[in-house]
Amino acid sequence: MSFPTHPSSLQLASVKDAHNQGAIVQILGEAHTAQALYDADLQAGRVVIRPCHLVVVDSARQPWEIVWRIGTRGLVHALNEESLMLDLGYQRITLPLSDSRPDEEKLHAPLAVGMEVLLRGKLDKASVVDIFLDGELAHPERLKRHLAEVIAQHL
């Protein structure tokens, strides 16, 4: 993936609609949406972007470009001690249950049917890293910390 020399132009965004050349994105914590194209490296890597994804957008490029897929948003449809069934909007998937949130958070906000969660990792090995409250990440700093690590590795 190609990254800009000014990492401050990279922002976390939620994909609202996606098509073959780009997507409508909403910067986390903001109300408005914008069109963003797919970065050439993202296209070359055949990375699929869907409305269930959280992405990294380079707002210094005109038009904006999506340069990284950073997480997947899903709605808990069913769960048990071993597995988690999520509705991603375009399909339902069943994964081994993996909740990477801090133990205290798991106690105060256990996973439940109807809860929106953020997954990180390839879907067959993904782990819940955060939950959504009123449509926003409960702990956006976790994803921002990961974004900073990704930027540091690629500059």
N, C-alpha and C. Protein backbone atom coordinates (compact mmCIF):
# COMPACT_ATOMS: atom_id res chain seq x y z
N MET A 1 0.84 -1.18 0.00
CA MET A 1 0.00 0.00 0.00
C MET A 1 0.88 1.24 0.00
N SER A 2 0.50 2.23 -0.72
CA SER A 2 1.28 3.47 -0.72
C SER A 2 0.69 4.41 0.32
N PHE A 3 1.58 4.98 1.12
CA PHE A 3 1.15 5.89 2.17
C PHE A 3 1.72 7.26 1.91
N PRO A 4 1.04 8.32 2.32
CA PRO A 4 1.52 9.67 2.10
C PRO A 4 2.67 9.99 3.06
N THR A 5 3.36 11.07 2.76
CA THR A 5 4.43 11.50 3.65
C THR A 5 3.87 12.25 4.85
N HIS A 6 2.63 12.63 4.80
CA HIS A 6 1.98 13.34 5.91
C HIS A 6 0.88 12.46 6.50
N PRO A 7 1.20 11.65 7.53
CA PRO A 7 0.21 10.72 8.07
C PRO A 7 -1.03 11.39 8.65
N SER A 8 -0.98 12.70 8.89
CA SER A 8 -2.15 13.38 9.45
C SER A 8 -3.31 13.41 8.46
N SER A 9 -3.02 13.15 7.17
CA SER A 9 -4.10 13.14 6.19
C SER A 9 -4.84 11.81 6.17
N LEU A 10 -4.36 10.82 6.94
CA LEU A 10 -5.02 9.53 7.01
C LEU A 10 -6.08 9.56 8.09
N GLN A 11 -7.29 9.13 7.73
CA GLN A 11 -8.39 9.17 8.67
C GLN A 11 -9.14 7.84 8.63
N LEU A 12 -9.70 7.47 9.76
CA LEU A 12 -10.52 6.27 9.84
C LEU A 12 -11.93 6.59 9.38
N ALA A 13 -12.49 5.70 8.57
CA ALA A 13 -13.81 5.94 8.03
C ALA A 13 -14.60 4.64 7.95
N SER A 14 -15.91 4.79 7.99
CA SER A 14 -16.84 3.68 7.82
C SER A 14 -17.36 3.73 6.39
N VAL A 15 -17.41 2.57 5.73
CA VAL A 15 -17.92 2.50 4.37
C VAL A 15 -19.44 2.43 4.43
N LYS A 16 -20.10 3.35 3.75
CA LYS A 16 -21.56 3.40 3.72
C LYS A 16 -22.12 2.71 2.49
N ASP A 17 -21.42 2.81 1.36
CA ASP A 17 -21.82 2.17 0.12
C ASP A 17 -20.55 1.93 -0.68
N ALA A 18 -20.48 0.83 -1.39
CA ALA A 18 -19.28 0.51 -2.16
C ALA A 18 -19.66 0.05 -3.56
N HIS A 19 -18.81 0.36 -4.51
CA HIS A 19 -19.00 -0.09 -5.89
C HIS A 19 -17.64 -0.46 -6.46
N ASN A 20 -17.55 -0.72 -7.75
CA ASN A 20 -16.33 -1.28 -8.30
C ASN A 20 -15.15 -0.31 -8.38
N GLN A 21 -15.35 0.99 -8.27
CA GLN A 21 -14.24 1.93 -8.35
C GLN A 21 -14.01 2.73 -7.07
N GLY A 22 -14.94 2.68 -6.16
CA GLY A 22 -14.80 3.46 -4.95
C GLY A 22 -15.95 3.25 -4.00
N ALA A 23 -16.07 4.14 -3.05
CA ALA A 23 -17.08 3.98 -2.02
C ALA A 23 -17.50 5.34 -1.46
N ILE A 24 -18.65 5.34 -0.81
CA ILE A 24 -19.09 6.48 -0.03
C ILE A 24 -18.63 6.18 1.40
N VAL A 25 -17.88 7.09 2.00
CA VAL A 25 -17.34 6.87 3.34
C VAL A 25 -17.78 7.98 4.28
N GLN A 26 -17.75 7.64 5.57
CA GLN A 26 -18.05 8.61 6.61
C GLN A 26 -16.91 8.56 7.60
N ILE A 27 -16.20 9.67 7.76
CA ILE A 27 -15.10 9.74 8.72
C ILE A 27 -15.68 9.48 10.11
N LEU A 28 -15.00 8.62 10.89
CA LEU A 28 -15.50 8.29 12.23
C LEU A 28 -15.62 9.56 13.06
N GLY A 29 -16.76 9.70 13.70
CA GLY A 29 -17.02 10.86 14.55
C GLY A 29 -17.58 12.06 13.82
N GLU A 30 -17.73 11.98 12.51
CA GLU A 30 -18.28 13.08 11.73
C GLU A 30 -19.61 12.67 11.10
N ALA A 31 -20.40 13.64 10.70
CA ALA A 31 -21.73 13.34 10.17
C ALA A 31 -21.77 13.23 8.65
N HIS A 32 -20.94 14.00 7.95
CA HIS A 32 -21.05 14.03 6.49
C HIS A 32 -20.35 12.84 5.84
N THR A 33 -20.75 12.56 4.60
CA THR A 33 -20.13 11.49 3.83
C THR A 33 -19.40 12.08 2.64
N ALA A 34 -18.51 11.28 2.05
CA ALA A 34 -17.75 11.74 0.88
C ALA A 34 -17.43 10.55 -0.01
N GLN A 35 -17.19 10.83 -1.27
CA GLN A 35 -16.78 9.82 -2.23
C GLN A 35 -15.28 9.58 -2.07
N ALA A 36 -14.86 8.33 -2.11
CA ALA A 36 -13.44 7.98 -2.07
C ALA A 36 -13.19 6.87 -3.08
N LEU A 37 -12.12 7.01 -3.85
CA LEU A 37 -11.74 5.99 -4.81
C LEU A 37 -10.84 4.97 -4.13
N TYR A 38 -10.65 3.82 -4.77
CA TYR A 38 -9.74 2.82 -4.24
C TYR A 38 -8.33 3.14 -4.71
N ASP A 39 -7.37 3.11 -3.78
CA ASP A 39 -5.97 3.28 -4.08
C ASP A 39 -5.52 2.21 -5.08
N ALA A 40 -4.59 2.53 -5.96
CA ALA A 40 -4.11 1.59 -6.98
C ALA A 40 -3.56 0.31 -6.35
N ASP A 41 -2.83 0.43 -5.24
CA ASP A 41 -2.27 -0.75 -4.58
C ASP A 41 -3.38 -1.63 -4.01
N LEU A 42 -4.41 -1.01 -3.48
CA LEU A 42 -5.56 -1.75 -2.95
C LEU A 42 -6.22 -2.55 -4.09
N GLN A 43 -6.38 -1.89 -5.23
CA GLN A 43 -6.98 -2.56 -6.39
C GLN A 43 -6.09 -3.70 -6.88
N ALA A 44 -4.79 -3.45 -6.95
CA ALA A 44 -3.86 -4.47 -7.43
C ALA A 44 -3.87 -5.69 -6.50
N GLY A 45 -4.07 -5.45 -5.21
CA GLY A 45 -4.13 -6.55 -4.24
C GLY A 45 -5.48 -7.23 -4.21
N ARG A 46 -6.41 -6.73 -5.02
CA ARG A 46 -7.77 -7.28 -5.11
C ARG A 46 -8.48 -7.32 -3.75
N VAL A 47 -8.25 -6.28 -2.97
CA VAL A 47 -8.89 -6.16 -1.67
C VAL A 47 -10.34 -5.74 -1.89
N VAL A 48 -11.24 -6.51 -1.34
CA VAL A 48 -12.67 -6.22 -1.48
C VAL A 48 -13.11 -5.27 -0.37
N ILE A 49 -13.84 -4.24 -0.75
CA ILE A 49 -14.38 -3.27 0.20
C ILE A 49 -15.90 -3.36 0.13
N ARG A 50 -16.52 -3.49 1.30
CA ARG A 50 -17.98 -3.58 1.40
C ARG A 50 -18.46 -2.62 2.49
N PRO A 51 -19.78 -2.36 2.54
CA PRO A 51 -20.30 -1.46 3.57
C PRO A 51 -20.05 -1.90 5.02
N CYS A 52 -19.65 -3.13 5.24
CA CYS A 52 -19.37 -3.57 6.61
C CYS A 52 -17.94 -3.23 7.05
N HIS A 53 -17.14 -2.61 6.19
CA HIS A 53 -15.73 -2.38 6.51
C HIS A 53 -15.46 -0.99 7.07
N LEU A 54 -14.44 -0.94 7.91
CA LEU A 54 -13.83 0.31 8.32
C LEU A 54 -12.53 0.39 7.55
N VAL A 55 -12.23 1.58 7.05
CA VAL A 55 -11.09 1.76 6.16
C VAL A 55 -10.27 2.96 6.60
N VAL A 56 -9.10 3.08 5.98
CA VAL A 56 -8.26 4.25 6.15
C VAL A 56 -8.35 5.05 4.85
N VAL A 57 -8.69 6.33 4.98
CA VAL A 57 -8.87 7.22 3.83
C VAL A 57 -7.77 8.26 3.86
N ASP A 58 -7.17 8.51 2.70
CA ASP A 58 -6.19 9.58 2.56
C ASP A 58 -6.93 10.80 2.04
N SER A 59 -7.18 11.77 2.92
CA SER A 59 -7.94 12.96 2.54
C SER A 59 -7.06 14.02 1.87
N ALA A 60 -5.74 13.79 1.79
CA ALA A 60 -4.87 14.73 1.08
C ALA A 60 -4.96 14.52 -0.42
N ARG A 61 -5.38 13.34 -0.84
CA ARG A 61 -5.52 13.04 -2.27
C ARG A 61 -6.87 13.57 -2.75
N GLN A 62 -6.89 14.02 -3.98
CA GLN A 62 -8.14 14.52 -4.56
C GLN A 62 -8.43 13.75 -5.83
N PRO A 63 -9.51 13.02 -5.94
CA PRO A 63 -10.45 12.78 -4.84
C PRO A 63 -9.81 11.90 -3.77
N TRP A 64 -10.48 11.84 -2.62
CA TRP A 64 -9.98 11.00 -1.53
C TRP A 64 -9.76 9.58 -2.02
N GLU A 65 -8.83 8.87 -1.36
CA GLU A 65 -8.60 7.48 -1.72
C GLU A 65 -8.62 6.60 -0.48
N ILE A 66 -9.17 5.42 -0.63
CA ILE A 66 -9.13 4.40 0.41
C ILE A 66 -7.81 3.67 0.23
N VAL A 67 -6.98 3.65 1.29
CA VAL A 67 -5.65 3.05 1.17
C VAL A 67 -5.48 1.78 2.01
N TRP A 68 -6.47 1.47 2.87
CA TRP A 68 -6.31 0.32 3.75
C TRP A 68 -7.67 -0.11 4.28
N ARG A 69 -7.89 -1.40 4.33
CA ARG A 69 -9.08 -1.94 5.01
C ARG A 69 -8.61 -2.36 6.39
N ILE A 70 -9.22 -1.79 7.44
CA ILE A 70 -8.67 -1.96 8.79
C ILE A 70 -9.55 -2.77 9.72
N GLY A 71 -10.81 -2.98 9.38
CA GLY A 71 -11.68 -3.76 10.26
C GLY A 71 -13.01 -4.07 9.61
N THR A 72 -13.75 -4.96 10.24
CA THR A 72 -15.06 -5.36 9.75
C THR A 72 -16.09 -5.19 10.85
N ARG A 73 -17.21 -4.60 10.47
CA ARG A 73 -18.31 -4.35 11.41
C ARG A 73 -19.37 -5.42 11.19
N GLY A 74 -19.85 -5.98 12.29
CA GLY A 74 -20.88 -7.00 12.17
C GLY A 74 -21.89 -6.92 13.31
N LEU A 75 -23.07 -7.44 13.06
CA LEU A 75 -24.13 -7.48 14.05
C LEU A 75 -24.24 -8.91 14.57
N VAL A 76 -24.16 -9.09 15.89
CA VAL A 76 -24.22 -10.42 16.48
C VAL A 76 -25.63 -10.97 16.26
N HIS A 77 -25.70 -12.07 15.53
CA HIS A 77 -26.98 -12.73 15.25
C HIS A 77 -27.23 -13.88 16.23
N ALA A 78 -26.15 -14.58 16.58
CA ALA A 78 -26.24 -15.68 17.54
C ALA A 78 -24.84 -15.92 18.10
N LEU A 79 -24.78 -16.47 19.31
CA LEU A 79 -23.49 -16.82 19.88
C LEU A 79 -23.67 -17.89 20.94
N ASN A 80 -22.58 -18.63 21.14
CA ASN A 80 -22.52 -19.58 22.24
C ASN A 80 -21.09 -19.55 22.76
N GLU A 81 -20.71 -20.47 23.61
CA GLU A 81 -19.39 -20.44 24.21
C GLU A 81 -18.26 -20.67 23.21
N GLU A 82 -18.59 -21.23 22.05
CA GLU A 82 -17.55 -21.57 21.08
C GLU A 82 -17.59 -20.77 19.79
N SER A 83 -18.76 -20.25 19.41
CA SER A 83 -18.85 -19.58 18.12
C SER A 83 -19.72 -18.32 18.16
N LEU A 84 -19.55 -17.55 17.13
CA LEU A 84 -20.24 -16.27 16.99
C LEU A 84 -20.78 -16.19 15.57
N MET A 85 -22.09 -15.95 15.42
CA MET A 85 -22.66 -15.77 14.09
C MET A 85 -22.91 -14.27 13.92
N LEU A 86 -22.35 -13.72 12.85
CA LEU A 86 -22.47 -12.30 12.59
C LEU A 86 -23.19 -12.05 11.28
N ASP A 87 -23.99 -10.99 11.25
CA ASP A 87 -24.61 -10.51 10.02
C ASP A 87 -23.76 -9.34 9.54
N LEU A 88 -23.15 -9.49 8.37
CA LEU A 88 -22.30 -8.44 7.81
C LEU A 88 -23.06 -7.54 6.83
N GLY A 89 -24.34 -7.79 6.69
CA GLY A 89 -25.16 -6.99 5.79
C GLY A 89 -25.34 -7.65 4.44
N TYR A 90 -24.33 -8.35 3.97
CA TYR A 90 -24.44 -9.04 2.69
C TYR A 90 -24.36 -10.55 2.86
N GLN A 91 -23.98 -11.00 4.06
CA GLN A 91 -23.95 -12.43 4.36
C GLN A 91 -23.85 -12.63 5.87
N ARG A 92 -24.22 -13.82 6.29
CA ARG A 92 -24.03 -14.21 7.69
C ARG A 92 -22.87 -15.18 7.74
N ILE A 93 -22.00 -14.99 8.72
CA ILE A 93 -20.85 -15.88 8.88
C ILE A 93 -20.80 -16.39 10.30
N THR A 94 -20.26 -17.57 10.47
CA THR A 94 -20.04 -18.13 11.79
C THR A 94 -18.54 -18.28 11.99
N LEU A 95 -18.06 -17.74 13.10
CA LEU A 95 -16.63 -17.74 13.42
C LEU A 95 -16.41 -18.38 14.78
N PRO A 96 -15.20 -18.90 15.01
CA PRO A 96 -14.87 -19.30 16.38
C PRO A 96 -14.94 -18.05 17.26
N LEU A 97 -15.49 -18.17 18.44
CA LEU A 97 -15.61 -17.02 19.33
C LEU A 97 -14.24 -16.60 19.84
N SER A 98 -13.85 -15.38 19.51
CA SER A 98 -12.59 -14.80 19.96
C SER A 98 -12.87 -13.35 20.33
N ASP A 99 -12.80 -13.05 21.61
CA ASP A 99 -13.06 -11.71 22.12
C ASP A 99 -11.77 -11.18 22.74
N SER A 100 -11.11 -10.25 22.05
CA SER A 100 -9.81 -9.72 22.49
C SER A 100 -9.93 -8.47 23.36
N ARG A 101 -11.12 -8.09 23.71
CA ARG A 101 -11.28 -6.91 24.56
C ARG A 101 -10.74 -7.19 25.96
N PRO A 102 -10.38 -6.15 26.70
CA PRO A 102 -9.91 -6.35 28.08
C PRO A 102 -10.95 -7.08 28.93
N ASP A 103 -10.49 -7.89 29.87
CA ASP A 103 -11.39 -8.70 30.70
C ASP A 103 -12.45 -7.86 31.40
N GLU A 104 -12.08 -6.72 31.93
CA GLU A 104 -13.05 -5.86 32.63
C GLU A 104 -14.17 -5.42 31.68
N GLU A 105 -13.80 -5.12 30.45
CA GLU A 105 -14.81 -4.71 29.47
C GLU A 105 -15.73 -5.86 29.12
N LYS A 106 -15.18 -7.06 29.01
CA LYS A 106 -16.01 -8.24 28.72
C LYS A 106 -17.03 -8.46 29.83
N LEU A 107 -16.65 -8.18 31.08
CA LEU A 107 -17.57 -8.34 32.21
C LEU A 107 -18.68 -7.30 32.18
N HIS A 108 -18.31 -6.03 31.87
CA HIS A 108 -19.29 -4.94 31.89
C HIS A 108 -20.14 -4.87 30.63
N ALA A 109 -19.61 -5.37 29.52
CA ALA A 109 -20.36 -5.34 28.25
C ALA A 109 -20.15 -6.67 27.52
N PRO A 110 -20.73 -7.75 28.08
CA PRO A 110 -20.56 -9.05 27.41
C PRO A 110 -21.23 -9.05 26.04
N LEU A 111 -20.67 -9.83 25.14
CA LEU A 111 -21.27 -9.95 23.81
C LEU A 111 -22.68 -10.49 23.94
N ALA A 112 -23.59 -9.95 23.13
CA ALA A 112 -24.98 -10.36 23.18
C ALA A 112 -25.60 -10.22 21.79
N VAL A 113 -26.64 -10.98 21.53
CA VAL A 113 -27.37 -10.89 20.28
C VAL A 113 -27.86 -9.46 20.10
N GLY A 114 -27.68 -8.93 18.90
CA GLY A 114 -28.10 -7.56 18.60
C GLY A 114 -27.00 -6.53 18.76
N MET A 115 -25.87 -6.90 19.34
CA MET A 115 -24.76 -5.99 19.56
C MET A 115 -23.94 -5.86 18.27
N GLU A 116 -23.51 -4.62 17.97
CA GLU A 116 -22.60 -4.41 16.85
C GLU A 116 -21.18 -4.50 17.36
N VAL A 117 -20.33 -5.23 16.61
CA VAL A 117 -18.94 -5.43 17.04
C VAL A 117 -17.99 -5.07 15.91
N LEU A 118 -16.74 -4.80 16.29
CA LEU A 118 -15.66 -4.57 15.33
C LEU A 118 -14.72 -5.75 15.38
N LEU A 119 -14.48 -6.34 14.22
CA LEU A 119 -13.55 -7.46 14.08
C LEU A 119 -12.26 -6.97 13.45
N ARG A 120 -11.15 -7.57 13.87
CA ARG A 120 -9.86 -7.34 13.23
C ARG A 120 -9.30 -8.69 12.85
N GLY A 121 -8.60 -8.73 11.73
CA GLY A 121 -7.98 -9.95 11.26
C GLY A 121 -8.77 -10.56 10.12
N LYS A 122 -8.18 -11.57 9.50
CA LYS A 122 -8.88 -12.28 8.43
C LYS A 122 -10.12 -12.94 9.02
N LEU A 123 -11.20 -12.93 8.27
CA LEU A 123 -12.48 -13.37 8.82
C LEU A 123 -12.45 -14.77 9.43
N ASP A 124 -11.68 -15.69 8.88
CA ASP A 124 -11.66 -17.04 9.44
C ASP A 124 -10.95 -17.10 10.79
N LYS A 125 -10.18 -16.04 11.15
CA LYS A 125 -9.47 -15.99 12.43
C LYS A 125 -9.70 -14.66 13.14
N ALA A 126 -10.74 -13.95 12.77
CA ALA A 126 -10.99 -12.61 13.30
C ALA A 126 -11.34 -12.64 14.79
N SER A 127 -11.06 -11.52 15.43
CA SER A 127 -11.34 -11.38 16.85
C SER A 127 -12.10 -10.09 17.09
N VAL A 128 -13.03 -10.12 18.03
CA VAL A 128 -13.75 -8.91 18.43
C VAL A 128 -12.76 -8.03 19.21
N VAL A 129 -12.60 -6.78 18.75
CA VAL A 129 -11.69 -5.86 19.41
C VAL A 129 -12.40 -4.66 20.02
N ASP A 130 -13.66 -4.46 19.66
CA ASP A 130 -14.41 -3.34 20.22
C ASP A 130 -15.89 -3.57 19.91
N ILE A 131 -16.73 -2.75 20.52
CA ILE A 131 -18.16 -2.77 20.25
C ILE A 131 -18.58 -1.37 19.82
N PHE A 132 -19.74 -1.29 19.20
CA PHE A 132 -20.30 0.00 18.80
C PHE A 132 -21.42 0.36 19.77
N LEU A 133 -21.44 1.61 20.19
CA LEU A 133 -22.50 2.15 21.03
C LEU A 133 -23.10 3.33 20.30
N ASP A 134 -24.38 3.28 20.04
CA ASP A 134 -25.07 4.34 19.29
C ASP A 134 -24.37 4.63 17.96
N GLY A 135 -23.90 3.58 17.29
CA GLY A 135 -23.28 3.72 15.97
C GLY A 135 -21.82 4.14 15.97
N GLU A 136 -21.25 4.40 17.13
CA GLU A 136 -19.85 4.83 17.22
C GLU A 136 -19.05 3.80 18.01
N LEU A 137 -17.76 3.67 17.69
CA LEU A 137 -16.90 2.76 18.45
C LEU A 137 -16.85 3.16 19.91
N ALA A 138 -16.93 2.19 20.79
CA ALA A 138 -16.84 2.48 22.23
C ALA A 138 -15.42 2.94 22.59
N HIS A 139 -14.42 2.41 21.88
CA HIS A 139 -13.02 2.75 22.17
C HIS A 139 -12.27 3.03 20.87
N PRO A 140 -12.53 4.17 20.22
CA PRO A 140 -11.89 4.47 18.94
C PRO A 140 -10.37 4.58 19.05
N GLU A 141 -9.86 4.86 20.23
CA GLU A 141 -8.42 4.98 20.41
C GLU A 141 -7.69 3.68 20.08
N ARG A 142 -8.35 2.55 20.24
CA ARG A 142 -7.71 1.27 19.90
C ARG A 142 -7.43 1.18 18.41
N LEU A 143 -8.40 1.56 17.60
CA LEU A 143 -8.21 1.53 16.16
C LEU A 143 -7.22 2.61 15.73
N LYS A 144 -7.27 3.76 16.36
CA LYS A 144 -6.33 4.84 16.03
C LYS A 144 -4.91 4.43 16.40
N ARG A 145 -4.74 3.70 17.49
CA ARG A 145 -3.41 3.21 17.88
C ARG A 145 -2.90 2.22 16.82
N HIS A 146 -3.77 1.37 16.33
CA HIS A 146 -3.37 0.43 15.28
C HIS A 146 -3.02 1.19 14.00
N LEU A 147 -3.79 2.21 13.67
CA LEU A 147 -3.50 3.03 12.50
C LEU A 147 -2.11 3.64 12.62
N ALA A 148 -1.77 4.18 13.79
CA ALA A 148 -0.44 4.77 13.99
C ALA A 148 0.66 3.74 13.78
N GLU A 149 0.44 2.51 14.23
CA GLU A 149 1.43 1.44 14.05
C GLU A 149 1.59 1.10 12.56
N VAL A 150 0.49 1.05 11.83
CA VAL A 150 0.54 0.76 10.39
C VAL A 150 1.30 1.87 9.67
N ILE A 151 1.02 3.12 9.99
CA ILE A 151 1.70 4.25 9.35
C ILE A 151 3.20 4.17 9.63
N ALA A 152 3.58 3.93 10.88
CA ALA A 152 4.99 3.85 11.25
C ALA A 152 5.73 2.76 10.46
N GLN A 153 5.07 1.67 10.20
CA GLN A 153 5.70 0.56 9.47
C GLN A 153 5.88 0.89 7.99
N HIS A 154 5.09 1.80 7.45
CA HIS A 154 5.11 2.04 6.01
C HIS A 154 5.73 3.38 5.61
N LEU A 155 6.20 4.16 6.55
CA LEU A 155 6.83 5.44 6.18
C LEU A 155 8.33 5.27 6.06
